[in-house]
Amino acid sequence: MTEILSYTACRQLSQMFLAVVFFHSSEYILAVAIHGRSNVTLKSLLISKNYLLAMIFSLLEYIVEIVLFPGLKEHWWISDTGLALVVIGEFTRKLAIITAGRAFTHLIKVYHDEHHLLITHGIYRFVRHPGYSGFFIWSVGTQIMLCNPISTVGFAIVVWKFFAERIPHEEYFLKRFFGSEYEEYAHRVPSGVPFVK
């Protein structure tokens, strides 16, 4: 039981807690700053039932492994690589939100409005969906940071599958809104999620 209260566990779990709190609170704060409080709901916190279940599973995996295989959590180069990925993913996502400004929304736009512009500058010059790319990197990074092998693979598969379905759906509307301009942009710039065109 002392392993649960070890330096390693305290460090890794506190990093995880801070990463999760910062990610979700900053999503909400940025949404309010960009769109105004009256146009933002708690959905901008991006916390769903499936997300909570995944996080609970990852914490259970962590506790079981630190009790049964404490040495597994002591690979600092793995944990620090995960922390670096968390920071890179967070930075990428927030840069995407700030660059897109009012064109960024947490829900897929199905109707074109005056604020929905095609953003191709800044980080969008290199990646079409940097917000998705950032979240993918961040979520997998959290599990690498915890040295959770099962959750690392699970998060990678589940988050990738989510974006592999969401990106084509979103791009259907982007092609309708921006036509050949978007098609040329999509042909030139990768999606930012591995193996998703």
Protein backbone atom coordinates (compact mmCIF):
# COMPACT_ATOMS: atom_id res chain seq x y z
CA MET A 1 0.00 0.00 0.00
CA THR A 2 2.95 2.34 0.54
CA GLU A 3 3.56 2.29 -3.24
CA ILE A 4 0.32 4.22 -3.75
CA LEU A 5 1.72 7.05 -1.60
CA SER A 6 5.21 6.92 -3.11
CA TYR A 7 6.97 9.90 -4.69
CA THR A 8 6.39 8.40 -8.12
CA ALA A 9 2.64 8.05 -7.63
CA CYS A 10 2.31 11.52 -6.10
CA ARG A 11 4.25 13.08 -8.96
CA GLN A 12 2.51 11.22 -11.79
CA LEU A 13 -1.01 11.53 -10.38
CA SER A 14 -0.59 15.23 -9.56
CA GLN A 15 0.70 15.86 -13.11
CA MET A 16 -2.33 14.01 -14.46
CA PHE A 17 -4.72 15.97 -12.24
CA LEU A 18 -3.17 19.30 -13.27
CA ALA A 19 -3.18 18.33 -16.95
CA VAL A 20 -6.87 17.39 -16.88
CA VAL A 21 -7.97 20.43 -14.85
CA PHE A 22 -5.96 22.83 -17.03
CA PHE A 23 -7.15 21.26 -20.27
CA HIS A 24 -10.86 21.43 -19.47
CA SER A 25 -10.93 24.74 -17.65
CA SER A 26 -8.91 26.47 -20.39
CA GLU A 27 -11.24 25.03 -23.07
CA TYR A 28 -14.19 26.61 -21.28
CA ILE A 29 -12.43 29.92 -20.58
CA LEU A 30 -11.29 30.27 -24.19
CA ALA A 31 -14.78 29.44 -25.49
CA VAL A 32 -16.28 32.14 -23.23
CA ALA A 33 -13.57 34.66 -24.22
CA ILE A 34 -14.10 34.03 -27.94
CA HIS A 35 -17.86 33.46 -28.17
CA GLY A 36 -19.21 35.19 -25.04
CA ARG A 37 -20.70 33.55 -21.97
CA SER A 38 -24.26 33.54 -23.35
CA ASN A 39 -23.15 31.46 -26.37
CA VAL A 40 -21.22 28.82 -24.40
CA THR A 41 -22.61 25.81 -22.55
CA LEU A 42 -20.96 23.32 -20.21
CA LYS A 43 -20.42 21.12 -23.29
CA SER A 44 -17.38 23.31 -23.90
CA LEU A 45 -15.75 21.56 -20.95
CA LEU A 46 -15.63 18.49 -23.26
CA ILE A 47 -16.52 16.01 -20.53
CA SER A 48 -18.73 13.14 -21.66
CA LYS A 49 -19.80 9.88 -20.03
CA ASN A 50 -17.39 7.89 -22.25
CA TYR A 51 -14.56 10.27 -21.44
CA LEU A 52 -15.18 9.89 -17.69
CA LEU A 53 -15.26 6.09 -18.04
CA ALA A 54 -11.95 6.14 -19.92
CA MET A 55 -10.34 8.33 -17.26
CA ILE A 56 -11.67 6.13 -14.44
CA PHE A 57 -10.32 3.03 -16.21
CA SER A 58 -6.92 4.68 -16.62
CA LEU A 59 -6.78 5.54 -12.90
CA LEU A 60 -7.80 1.99 -11.96
CA GLU A 61 -5.08 0.63 -14.24
CA TYR A 62 -2.58 2.97 -12.61
CA ILE A 63 -3.51 1.90 -9.06
CA VAL A 64 -3.47 -1.82 -9.89
CA GLU A 65 -0.10 -1.57 -11.65
CA ILE A 66 1.60 0.56 -8.99
CA VAL A 67 0.54 -1.96 -6.32
CA LEU A 68 1.38 -5.12 -8.29
CA PHE A 69 4.21 -3.87 -10.56
CA PRO A 70 5.62 -0.66 -8.99
CA GLY A 71 8.76 -0.88 -11.12
CA LEU A 72 6.62 -0.35 -14.22
CA LYS A 73 5.92 3.23 -13.12
CA GLU A 74 9.60 4.07 -12.48
CA HIS A 75 10.62 4.48 -16.14
CA TRP A 76 11.15 8.22 -15.92
CA TRP A 77 12.13 8.67 -19.56
CA ILE A 78 8.73 7.20 -20.55
CA SER A 79 6.83 9.30 -18.02
CA ASP A 80 8.70 12.48 -19.01
CA THR A 81 8.08 11.74 -22.70
CA GLY A 82 4.37 11.53 -21.87
CA LEU A 83 4.54 14.84 -20.00
CA ALA A 84 6.24 16.45 -23.02
CA LEU A 85 3.45 15.09 -25.27
CA VAL A 86 0.82 16.50 -22.89
CA VAL A 87 2.43 19.95 -23.16
CA ILE A 88 2.81 19.71 -26.97
CA GLY A 89 -0.78 18.51 -27.39
CA GLU A 90 -2.14 21.23 -25.10
CA PHE A 91 -0.12 23.93 -26.89
CA THR A 92 -1.18 22.67 -30.34
CA ARG A 93 -4.87 22.61 -29.43
CA LYS A 94 -4.93 26.01 -27.75
CA LEU A 95 -2.96 27.55 -30.62
CA ALA A 96 -5.57 26.14 -33.01
CA ILE A 97 -8.42 27.64 -30.99
CA ILE A 98 -6.77 31.06 -30.69
CA THR A 99 -5.77 31.13 -34.38
CA ALA A 100 -9.28 30.20 -35.58
CA GLY A 101 -10.97 32.57 -33.14
CA ARG A 102 -14.73 32.77 -33.76
CA ALA A 103 -14.44 30.16 -36.51
CA PHE A 104 -13.56 27.56 -33.85
CA THR A 105 -16.49 25.77 -32.22
CA HIS A 106 -16.76 22.59 -30.17
CA LEU A 107 -19.68 21.36 -32.28
CA ILE A 108 -19.49 20.72 -36.02
CA LYS A 109 -21.08 23.58 -37.93
CA VAL A 110 -23.79 22.34 -40.26
CA TYR A 111 -24.89 25.84 -41.34
CA HIS A 112 -22.53 28.48 -42.65
CA ASP A 113 -22.56 31.77 -40.77
CA GLU A 114 -20.59 35.01 -41.09
CA HIS A 115 -18.01 34.00 -38.46
CA HIS A 116 -17.22 30.66 -40.07
CA LEU A 117 -14.20 31.43 -42.21
CA LEU A 118 -11.75 29.02 -43.80
CA ILE A 119 -8.63 29.37 -41.67
CA THR A 120 -5.44 28.45 -43.54
CA HIS A 121 -2.84 30.61 -41.77
CA GLY A 122 -0.77 30.03 -38.64
CA ILE A 123 -0.80 26.43 -37.44
CA TYR A 124 -3.49 25.66 -40.04
CA ARG A 125 -0.82 26.04 -42.75
CA PHE A 126 0.71 22.78 -41.52
CA VAL A 127 -2.29 20.83 -40.19
CA ARG A 128 -5.96 21.00 -41.24
CA HIS A 129 -7.31 19.91 -37.86
CA PRO A 130 -4.75 21.05 -35.27
CA GLY A 131 -7.38 21.02 -32.51
CA TYR A 132 -7.99 17.33 -33.11
CA SER A 133 -4.30 16.64 -33.54
CA GLY A 134 -3.58 18.41 -30.25
CA PHE A 135 -6.25 16.47 -28.38
CA PHE A 136 -5.00 13.17 -29.83
CA ILE A 137 -1.43 13.93 -28.70
CA TRP A 138 -2.61 15.21 -25.30
CA SER A 139 -4.86 12.26 -24.50
CA VAL A 140 -2.33 9.59 -25.44
CA GLY A 141 0.38 11.61 -23.69
CA THR A 142 -1.54 11.51 -20.41
CA GLN A 143 -1.39 7.72 -20.43
CA ILE A 144 2.28 7.56 -21.42
CA MET A 145 2.95 10.01 -18.57
CA LEU A 146 1.27 7.54 -16.17
CA CYS A 147 3.20 4.61 -17.71
CA ASN A 148 -0.17 2.93 -18.37
CA PRO A 149 0.47 0.48 -21.24
CA ILE A 150 -3.14 -0.75 -21.58
CA SER A 151 -4.68 2.72 -21.47
CA THR A 152 -2.04 4.12 -23.82
CA VAL A 153 -3.09 1.65 -26.50
CA GLY A 154 -6.79 1.97 -25.60
CA PHE A 155 -6.78 5.79 -25.70
CA ALA A 156 -4.87 5.80 -29.00
CA ILE A 157 -7.39 3.43 -30.62
CA VAL A 158 -10.54 5.05 -29.23
CA VAL A 159 -9.50 8.66 -29.87
CA TRP A 160 -8.19 7.80 -33.35
CA LYS A 161 -11.47 6.02 -34.21
CA PHE A 162 -13.48 9.02 -32.97
CA PHE A 163 -11.54 11.44 -35.19
CA ALA A 164 -11.47 9.00 -38.15
CA GLU A 165 -15.29 9.23 -38.09
CA ARG A 166 -15.59 12.92 -37.16
CA ILE A 167 -13.14 14.40 -39.67
CA PRO A 168 -14.91 13.11 -42.84
CA HIS A 169 -18.26 14.24 -41.37
CA GLU A 170 -16.92 17.73 -40.65
CA GLU A 171 -15.15 17.96 -44.00
CA TYR A 172 -18.40 17.17 -45.82
CA PHE A 173 -19.76 20.47 -44.52
CA LEU A 174 -16.49 22.35 -45.06
CA LYS A 175 -16.56 21.30 -48.74
CA ARG A 176 -20.16 22.52 -48.97
CA PHE A 177 -19.26 25.86 -47.37
CA PHE A 178 -15.96 26.57 -49.11
CA GLY A 179 -16.05 24.39 -52.26
CA SER A 180 -12.90 24.08 -54.34
CA GLU A 181 -10.97 26.38 -52.00
CA TYR A 182 -11.32 23.79 -49.22
CA GLU A 183 -10.67 20.86 -51.56
CA GLU A 184 -7.39 22.42 -52.69
CA TYR A 185 -6.43 23.14 -49.07
CA ALA A 186 -7.32 19.57 -47.97
CA HIS A 187 -5.29 18.13 -50.84
CA ARG A 188 -2.24 20.19 -49.82
CA VAL A 189 -2.36 20.00 -46.00
CA PRO A 190 -2.55 16.77 -43.91
CA SER A 191 -5.37 16.26 -41.40
CA GLY A 192 -3.03 16.05 -38.41
CA VAL A 193 -4.42 12.71 -37.22
CA PRO A 194 -2.35 9.68 -38.28
CA PHE A 195 -3.78 7.68 -41.20
CA VAL A 196 -6.79 10.00 -41.59
CA LYS A 197 -6.77 11.68 -44.99
